[in-house]
Amino acid sequence: MIFLRFVTVGRRTDDVWTGRLNWVSLTIGLLAVLFLSFVGNFIEGQSHGVGVAHDFGAGVVFTGGWVFMVIDAVIMLRMRLAEERDWRLLRWFEWIRPIIAALSVVAWLLCILCYYSLHWKQHF
């Protein structure tokens, strides 16, 4: 799906910055997918080193996921604004993707805070 989005955006735009953002989103998305295999192959409770690989992979997957969504939302808005020329002419449903991207950033921050607060309490 990440590659299909990359190809679709590449065919619909000739803008240099949108093309660069498209390559960045492809790279980040593929890295997140690669580290998803760490989460699936290293189960958290097996041994000490395996849990670290699982947690690191999960961190990269979730961080890469929200970064990919934010970049994808920016790409979509840039493409639509190139067509409409005024952000006030965008339809209501075109704001759903940026809203979901913003909510994913908030959820990621809350997960990071909860993760570190639980580990902080275990050490003291």
Foldseek 3Di string as FASTA:
>chain_A
DLVVLLVVLVVLDDDPVLNVLSVVLSVLQVLLVVLVVLLVVQDLPDDDVSVVSNVVSVLSNLVSVLVSLQSSLVSLVVSVCVVVVDPVPDDPVNCVSVVVSVVSVVVSVVVVVVVVVVVVVVVD
